[in-house]
Amino acid sequence: MAREIPFFKPDISNSEREQIDEVLDLEGSSKIEDLENEFVKKTGATYAVSTNSGTSALHLAMCAMDLKRGDKIICSVNSFPSVPEVVRHFDAEPIFVDIDSEDFNIDLDAFEKVLEENKSKKLKGAIINHVGGQPTDLDRLYDIASRFNIKIVEDASDALGGTYNGKPIGATGADITCFSFSPHMKHSIANAGMLLCEDDTLYERSVLLRNHAIQSSGWDRYGNLEYMYDVIDIGCKYDISVLDAAYSLAQYKRVDKMIARRKQIAGIYDKELNGIKHITLPVKKRDHIYQLYIIRIDRNRDGFARALRERGIHTGLHYIPLHLLNYYKNKYSLRVNDFQQALQTYQQVLSLPIYHNMTDSDVEYVCSMVKEVAAQHI
């Protein structure tokens, strides 16, 4: 019987149990504020607004920016569907951009070209993701954004605890940065997201709209209603539960150790899989925390993945380009070949398991099976 290596496996330490027990013992009412304060402390951001998911944080960012029908937001075609989804909720238009074939992030040359072609008051900004935990060239990104006077929202779902040139993601210059605590889990133990910003107005609107846009001297920012209230806008219900905050707080306090272990595993993969036929290893261009370890298979990627699955190894695909998804393909009359780099990359990429609680034995097994499959691959 084949050994089973899941694509991701959650980890609960004594820290998570202690945090959750405090809540269950009715002693953890400040966990939400503690989580937000921990983000401010660790990243250096001015403001932190917790949400019940990373997608909620992205949607709340669009709400705070007052996105309207007919507005436009640029994003990489190699993004998770939540990115254009939060734009479409306003009947606004996501404009897709092709990718860099090495790090799979947005192609900044193409990004600049799209900005030149869409000079309009309707163009409000861009949502920029950091695929697998490796940021794009943020210095150039911010320079472009400044010249074209657009807002930058970073989808840092893969970059929790990450850095750019040694500076924490979340305080590098974006207007808003959004995080997720469970970016690649189908069934997470806890759901949480975080929105970071520097601007007073964006912060105040985010806090207001997170809880139904209810305003009251008796309703605090965490939803504790005393008596009278008023509604001054159309809001959302995106506040995080105390239990989710407690679990996420414990996880966030351990994030540096988790990243260190993932980097160690990535180093083993780099060493063991280097030069293996049919495989191209990930390119490290900037600080990389390896939320994903994405290899390329020169041909028949699905057959390679199927062979690994038969040996008990689960893999992932990050991502299916947005222009190939039926909704966006039909809505905007997109063609398969519209984004050449993303299309070619999509046909080859495969994400291997990488998480901090993988044992050395687990990693060795993955390497052994990848080599075995590669040797037989046609």
Protein backbone atom coordinates (compact mmCIF):
# COMPACT_ATOMS: atom_id res chain seq x y z
CA MET A 1 0.00 0.00 0.00
CA ALA A 2 1.38 3.39 -1.01
CA ARG A 3 2.35 5.87 1.62
CA GLU A 4 0.02 8.90 1.78
CA ILE A 5 1.45 12.43 1.60
CA PRO A 6 -1.36 15.03 1.55
CA PHE A 7 -0.84 18.29 -0.30
CA PHE A 8 -1.29 20.15 2.99
CA LYS A 9 -1.80 19.03 6.56
CA PRO A 10 -2.88 21.36 9.39
CA ASP A 11 -0.90 21.47 12.58
CA ILE A 12 -2.24 22.09 16.07
CA SER A 13 0.35 22.69 18.77
CA ASN A 14 -0.09 23.40 22.46
CA SER A 15 -0.07 27.11 21.58
CA GLU A 16 -3.27 26.78 19.53
CA ARG A 17 -4.90 24.65 22.21
CA GLU A 18 -4.04 27.15 24.94
CA GLN A 19 -5.37 30.09 22.95
CA ILE A 20 -8.62 28.25 22.16
CA ASP A 21 -9.03 27.05 25.76
CA GLU A 22 -8.86 30.65 26.96
CA VAL A 23 -11.77 31.51 24.67
CA LEU A 24 -13.80 28.47 25.74
CA ASP A 25 -13.15 29.40 29.36
CA LEU A 26 -14.58 32.86 28.54
CA GLU A 27 -11.22 34.48 29.20
CA GLY A 28 -10.24 35.30 25.62
CA SER A 29 -12.46 38.22 24.63
CA SER A 30 -9.47 40.29 23.48
CA LYS A 31 -8.15 37.74 20.94
CA ILE A 32 -9.34 39.74 17.92
CA GLU A 33 -7.60 42.88 19.10
CA ASP A 34 -4.54 40.81 20.06
CA LEU A 35 -4.34 39.38 16.54
CA GLU A 36 -4.60 42.81 14.91
CA ASN A 37 -2.02 44.26 17.28
CA GLU A 38 0.35 41.37 16.54
CA PHE A 39 0.14 42.18 12.83
CA VAL A 40 0.87 45.85 13.43
CA LYS A 41 3.79 44.92 15.66
CA LYS A 42 5.27 42.35 13.27
CA THR A 43 4.80 44.18 9.96
CA GLY A 44 5.10 47.79 11.05
CA ALA A 45 1.81 48.65 9.32
CA THR A 46 -0.23 51.50 10.78
CA TYR A 47 -3.60 49.75 10.74
CA ALA A 48 -4.81 46.13 10.80
CA VAL A 49 -8.41 45.04 10.25
CA SER A 50 -9.20 41.36 10.81
CA THR A 51 -11.77 39.54 8.66
CA ASN A 52 -13.32 36.11 8.48
CA SER A 53 -11.33 35.10 5.36
CA GLY A 54 -8.76 36.32 2.89
CA THR A 55 -11.47 36.73 0.25
CA SER A 56 -13.47 38.88 2.65
CA ALA A 57 -10.39 41.06 3.16
CA LEU A 58 -10.06 41.55 -0.62
CA HIS A 59 -13.75 42.37 -1.01
CA LEU A 60 -13.59 44.74 1.94
CA ALA A 61 -10.63 46.46 0.27
CA MET A 62 -12.76 47.08 -2.82
CA CYS A 63 -15.56 48.40 -0.60
CA ALA A 64 -13.16 50.74 1.19
CA MET A 65 -11.92 52.02 -2.19
CA ASP A 66 -15.56 52.72 -3.13
CA LEU A 67 -15.39 50.64 -6.30
CA LYS A 68 -18.39 51.25 -8.57
CA ARG A 69 -20.12 49.79 -11.59
CA GLY A 70 -18.01 50.19 -14.71
CA ASP A 71 -14.76 50.76 -12.83
CA LYS A 72 -11.71 48.72 -13.79
CA ILE A 73 -9.16 46.79 -11.72
CA ILE A 74 -6.05 45.17 -13.22
CA CYS A 75 -4.91 41.74 -12.04
CA SER A 76 -2.68 38.90 -13.12
CA VAL A 77 -4.39 36.25 -15.22
CA ASN A 78 -2.57 33.78 -12.95
CA SER A 79 -4.63 34.50 -9.85
CA PHE A 80 -7.06 32.55 -7.69
CA PRO A 81 -10.69 33.18 -8.76
CA SER A 82 -11.34 35.22 -5.62
CA VAL A 83 -9.38 38.11 -7.14
CA PRO A 84 -11.61 38.93 -10.14
CA GLU A 85 -14.63 37.72 -8.18
CA VAL A 86 -14.42 40.57 -5.66
CA VAL A 87 -14.22 43.01 -8.58
CA ARG A 88 -17.23 41.56 -10.38
CA HIS A 89 -19.39 41.88 -7.25
CA PHE A 90 -19.47 45.62 -8.01
CA ASP A 91 -20.21 45.02 -11.70
CA ALA A 92 -16.72 46.39 -12.26
CA GLU A 93 -14.34 44.90 -14.82
CA PRO A 94 -11.18 42.91 -14.07
CA ILE A 95 -8.50 43.48 -16.70
CA PHE A 96 -6.17 40.50 -17.00
CA VAL A 97 -2.42 40.74 -17.61
CA ASP A 98 0.00 38.00 -18.65
CA ILE A 99 2.72 36.68 -16.35
CA ASP A 100 6.46 36.43 -15.94
CA SER A 101 7.37 32.88 -16.99
CA GLU A 102 10.01 32.52 -14.26
CA ASP A 103 8.25 33.52 -11.04
CA PHE A 104 4.64 33.27 -12.33
CA ASN A 105 3.81 36.76 -11.01
CA ILE A 106 2.39 39.55 -13.14
CA ASP A 107 4.55 40.66 -16.08
CA LEU A 108 5.32 44.28 -15.21
CA ASP A 109 6.14 45.18 -18.82
CA ALA A 110 2.68 43.96 -19.85
CA PHE A 111 1.19 45.67 -16.78
CA GLU A 112 2.64 49.02 -17.83
CA LYS A 113 1.40 48.51 -21.39
CA VAL A 114 -2.14 47.80 -20.17
CA LEU A 115 -2.05 50.97 -18.08
CA GLU A 116 -1.03 52.96 -21.15
CA GLU A 117 -3.96 51.46 -23.06
CA ASN A 118 -6.49 52.13 -20.29
CA LYS A 119 -5.86 55.73 -19.28
CA SER A 120 -9.26 56.51 -17.82
CA LYS A 121 -10.84 57.70 -14.60
CA LYS A 122 -12.58 54.33 -14.55
CA LEU A 123 -9.26 52.56 -13.90
CA LYS A 124 -9.05 52.54 -10.10
CA GLY A 125 -6.16 50.24 -9.31
CA ALA A 126 -4.64 46.77 -9.42
CA ILE A 127 -4.74 43.65 -7.27
CA ILE A 128 -1.25 42.11 -7.30
CA ASN A 129 -0.65 38.59 -5.98
CA HIS A 130 2.62 37.01 -4.84
CA VAL A 131 2.49 33.50 -6.30
CA GLY A 132 3.73 30.79 -3.98
CA GLY A 133 5.17 33.28 -1.49
CA GLN A 134 7.62 35.08 -3.79
CA PRO A 135 6.76 38.78 -4.27
CA THR A 136 6.90 40.55 -7.58
CA ASP A 137 9.36 43.42 -8.15
CA LEU A 138 7.65 45.80 -5.73
CA ASP A 139 10.03 48.71 -6.30
CA ARG A 140 9.12 48.81 -9.96
CA LEU A 141 5.45 48.09 -9.24
CA TYR A 142 5.11 51.06 -6.88
CA ASP A 143 6.96 53.31 -9.32
CA ILE A 144 4.54 52.38 -12.10
CA ALA A 145 1.53 52.85 -9.81
CA SER A 146 2.76 56.29 -8.78
CA ARG A 147 3.24 57.41 -12.39
CA PHE A 148 -0.23 56.28 -13.40
CA ASN A 149 -1.85 57.37 -10.11
CA ILE A 150 -3.56 54.08 -9.29
CA LYS A 151 -4.02 52.23 -6.02
CA ILE A 152 -2.24 48.95 -5.35
CA VAL A 153 -3.93 46.20 -3.37
CA GLU A 154 -1.62 43.28 -2.68
CA ASP A 155 -3.16 39.85 -2.45
CA ALA A 156 -0.64 38.42 0.00
CA SER A 157 -2.53 35.18 0.60
CA ASP A 158 0.67 33.26 -0.16
CA ALA A 159 2.93 35.74 1.62
CA LEU A 160 1.93 35.58 5.29
CA GLY A 161 5.13 36.37 7.18
CA GLY A 162 6.97 37.07 3.93
CA THR A 163 9.44 39.86 3.19
CA TYR A 164 10.65 41.99 0.29
CA ASN A 165 14.27 43.09 0.51
CA GLY A 166 14.10 42.26 4.21
CA LYS A 167 11.01 44.39 4.87
CA PRO A 168 7.75 42.67 5.93
CA ILE A 169 5.09 42.25 3.28
CA GLY A 170 2.25 44.48 4.41
CA ALA A 171 4.34 47.59 4.98
CA THR A 172 6.31 47.91 1.77
CA GLY A 173 4.24 50.60 0.07
CA ALA A 174 0.91 49.15 -1.08
CA ASP A 175 -2.28 51.07 -0.37
CA ILE A 176 -3.85 47.91 1.05
CA THR A 177 -2.43 44.44 1.71
CA CYS A 178 -4.69 41.42 2.28
CA PHE A 179 -3.68 38.14 3.90
CA SER A 180 -5.24 34.72 4.31
CA PHE A 181 -4.45 32.23 7.07
CA SER A 182 -5.42 29.17 5.03
CA PRO A 183 -4.72 29.91 1.36
CA HIS A 184 -4.55 26.33 0.07
CA MET A 185 -6.78 24.36 2.43
CA LYS A 186 -10.09 23.02 1.15
CA HIS A 187 -11.35 22.46 4.67
CA SER A 188 -9.56 24.73 7.11
CA ILE A 189 -9.65 24.41 10.89
CA ALA A 190 -10.18 28.14 11.22
CA ASN A 191 -10.95 30.90 8.73
CA ALA A 192 -9.29 34.29 8.99
CA GLY A 193 -7.99 37.14 6.89
CA MET A 194 -6.32 40.46 7.54
CA LEU A 195 -6.35 43.84 5.82
CA LEU A 196 -3.43 46.20 6.40
CA CYS A 197 -3.28 49.85 5.34
CA GLU A 198 -1.71 53.20 6.16
CA ASP A 199 -4.48 55.60 5.13
CA ASP A 200 -6.90 56.85 7.80
CA THR A 201 -9.89 56.95 5.45
CA LEU A 202 -9.35 53.45 4.06
CA TYR A 203 -8.98 52.13 7.59
CA GLU A 204 -12.10 53.86 8.92
CA ARG A 205 -14.20 52.68 5.98
CA SER A 206 -12.89 49.12 6.35
CA VAL A 207 -13.81 49.02 10.02
CA LEU A 208 -17.23 50.56 9.34
CA LEU A 209 -18.16 48.31 6.42
CA ARG A 210 -16.90 45.14 8.09
CA ASN A 211 -19.96 45.12 10.40
CA HIS A 212 -22.97 46.13 8.29
CA ALA A 213 -21.87 49.81 8.27
CA ILE A 214 -23.49 50.14 11.67
CA GLN A 215 -22.56 53.29 13.53
CA SER A 216 -23.30 53.71 17.20
CA SER A 217 -21.68 54.97 20.34
CA GLY A 218 -22.80 51.69 21.84
CA TRP A 219 -21.36 49.41 19.12
CA ASP A 220 -17.65 48.92 19.33
CA ARG A 221 -15.36 47.92 16.46
CA TYR A 222 -15.69 44.23 17.40
CA GLY A 223 -19.45 44.10 17.18
CA ASN A 224 -20.57 44.47 20.81
CA LEU A 225 -23.96 46.17 20.58
CA GLU A 226 -25.23 48.10 23.58
CA TYR A 227 -28.41 49.79 22.43
CA MET A 228 -29.02 52.45 19.73
CA TYR A 229 -27.43 52.30 16.30
CA ASP A 230 -27.69 53.60 12.75
CA VAL A 231 -26.69 52.28 9.32
CA ILE A 232 -24.88 54.80 7.12
CA ASP A 233 -23.83 52.67 4.12
CA ILE A 234 -24.18 49.19 2.63
CA GLY A 235 -21.83 47.01 4.62
CA CYS A 236 -20.84 43.36 5.00
CA LYS A 237 -20.63 40.75 7.72
CA TYR A 238 -16.91 40.06 7.61
CA ASP A 239 -15.84 40.22 11.25
CA ILE A 240 -13.83 37.30 12.56
CA SER A 241 -15.00 35.05 15.41
CA VAL A 242 -13.05 35.03 18.65
CA LEU A 243 -12.29 31.31 18.21
CA ASP A 244 -10.91 31.87 14.71
CA ALA A 245 -8.86 34.78 16.02
CA ALA A 246 -7.44 32.68 18.85
CA TYR A 247 -6.31 29.89 16.54
CA SER A 248 -4.94 32.34 13.98
CA LEU A 249 -3.05 34.29 16.64
CA ALA A 250 -1.24 31.15 17.77
CA GLN A 251 -0.44 30.25 14.15
CA TYR A 252 0.81 33.76 13.37
CA LYS A 253 3.14 33.76 16.37
CA ARG A 254 4.72 30.59 14.95
CA VAL A 255 4.89 31.80 11.35
CA ASP A 256 8.66 32.43 11.32
CA LYS A 257 9.36 28.84 12.41
CA MET A 258 6.93 27.54 9.80
CA ILE A 259 8.65 29.56 7.07
CA ALA A 260 12.09 28.41 8.19
CA ARG A 261 11.01 24.77 7.92
CA ARG A 262 9.45 25.30 4.48
CA LYS A 263 12.68 26.91 3.28
CA GLN A 264 14.56 23.90 4.60
CA ILE A 265 12.26 21.53 2.70
CA ALA A 266 12.61 23.65 -0.45
CA GLY A 267 16.38 23.34 -0.09
CA ILE A 268 16.08 19.55 0.02
CA TYR A 269 13.87 19.56 -3.07
CA ASP A 270 16.35 21.86 -4.85
CA LYS A 271 19.23 19.53 -4.07
CA GLU A 272 17.53 16.19 -4.69
CA LEU A 273 15.56 17.12 -7.82
CA ASN A 274 18.18 19.23 -9.56
CA GLY A 275 18.98 17.85 -13.00
CA ILE A 276 16.17 15.29 -12.98
CA LYS A 277 14.87 14.64 -16.48
CA HIS A 278 11.56 16.31 -17.43
CA ILE A 279 11.64 18.66 -14.39
CA THR A 280 12.46 22.36 -14.06
CA LEU A 281 12.82 23.67 -10.52
CA PRO A 282 11.36 26.99 -9.30
CA VAL A 283 13.35 30.16 -9.93
CA LYS A 284 14.15 32.21 -6.84
CA LYS A 285 14.38 35.88 -7.85
CA ARG A 286 13.51 37.53 -4.54
CA ASP A 287 12.72 36.66 -0.91
CA HIS A 288 10.72 33.41 -1.10
CA ILE A 289 8.81 31.77 1.76
CA TYR A 290 7.68 28.74 -0.28
CA GLN A 291 4.01 28.69 0.54
CA LEU A 292 4.09 26.68 -2.67
CA TYR A 293 6.89 24.73 -4.33
CA ILE A 294 6.05 24.84 -8.03
CA ILE A 295 7.97 22.70 -10.50
CA ARG A 296 7.50 22.46 -14.26
CA ILE A 297 7.01 19.20 -16.16
CA ASP A 298 8.17 19.44 -19.77
CA ARG A 299 5.27 17.38 -21.14
CA ASN A 300 2.19 15.46 -20.01
CA ARG A 301 1.96 17.17 -16.63
CA ASP A 302 -1.34 15.47 -15.81
CA GLY A 303 0.15 12.04 -16.44
CA PHE A 304 3.04 12.90 -14.12
CA ALA A 305 0.63 14.07 -11.41
CA ARG A 306 -1.48 10.94 -11.83
CA ALA A 307 1.57 8.73 -11.38
CA LEU A 308 2.50 10.58 -8.19
CA ARG A 309 -1.07 10.23 -6.92
CA GLU A 310 -0.90 6.47 -7.48
CA ARG A 311 2.12 6.54 -5.18
CA GLY A 312 0.18 8.43 -2.51
CA ILE A 313 1.52 11.92 -3.22
CA HIS A 314 -1.07 14.67 -3.61
CA THR A 315 -0.15 17.64 -5.78
CA GLY A 316 -1.68 21.00 -6.70
CA LEU A 317 -2.12 23.26 -9.72
CA HIS A 318 -1.52 26.99 -9.21
CA TYR A 319 -3.31 28.26 -11.11
CA ILE A 320 -5.70 27.67 -13.98
CA PRO A 321 -5.45 30.99 -15.89
CA LEU A 322 -8.55 33.09 -15.39
CA HIS A 323 -9.20 33.51 -19.12
CA LEU A 324 -9.70 29.74 -19.43
CA LEU A 325 -12.51 29.70 -16.85
CA ASN A 326 -15.93 29.67 -18.48
CA TYR A 327 -17.39 32.70 -16.73
CA TYR A 328 -14.58 35.09 -17.68
CA LYS A 329 -13.99 33.50 -21.08
CA ASN A 330 -17.63 34.03 -22.04
CA LYS A 331 -18.16 37.35 -20.28
CA TYR A 332 -15.22 39.08 -21.97
CA SER A 333 -14.93 36.98 -25.16
CA LEU A 334 -11.43 35.86 -24.26
CA ARG A 335 -9.45 33.46 -26.44
CA VAL A 336 -7.21 30.61 -25.32
CA ASN A 337 -4.10 32.23 -26.80
CA ASP A 338 -4.69 35.72 -25.39
CA PHE A 339 -2.12 35.17 -22.63
CA GLN A 340 0.69 33.08 -24.05
CA GLN A 341 3.00 32.90 -21.03
CA ALA A 342 0.19 31.97 -18.66
CA LEU A 343 -1.10 29.33 -21.07
CA GLN A 344 2.29 27.64 -21.50
CA THR A 345 2.99 27.80 -17.77
CA TYR A 346 -0.42 26.35 -16.93
CA GLN A 347 0.28 23.34 -19.14
CA GLN A 348 3.47 22.52 -17.22
CA VAL A 349 3.29 23.63 -13.57
CA LEU A 350 2.79 21.24 -10.67
CA SER A 351 2.92 22.08 -6.97
CA LEU A 352 4.57 19.55 -4.65
CA PRO A 353 3.61 19.17 -0.97
CA ILE A 354 5.46 21.63 1.27
CA TYR A 355 4.40 22.45 4.81
CA HIS A 356 6.27 22.83 8.06
CA ASN A 357 5.06 19.61 9.69
CA MET A 358 6.32 17.38 6.88
CA THR A 359 8.94 15.06 8.32
CA ASP A 360 12.31 14.49 6.68
CA SER A 361 11.04 11.03 5.85
CA ASP A 362 8.00 12.54 4.09
CA VAL A 363 10.24 14.82 2.04
CA GLU A 364 12.59 11.96 1.14
CA TYR A 365 9.63 9.88 0.00
CA VAL A 366 8.35 12.69 -2.23
CA CYS A 367 11.81 13.11 -3.78
CA SER A 368 12.16 9.37 -4.31
CA MET A 369 8.78 9.07 -6.00
CA VAL A 370 9.32 12.14 -8.19
CA LYS A 371 12.58 10.61 -9.39
CA GLU A 372 10.90 7.26 -9.98
CA VAL A 373 8.06 8.81 -11.98
CA ALA A 374 10.45 11.02 -13.96
CA ALA A 375 12.55 7.99 -14.93
CA GLN A 376 9.46 6.27 -16.38
CA HIS A 377 7.81 9.40 -17.79
CA ILE A 378 7.02 9.53 -21.50
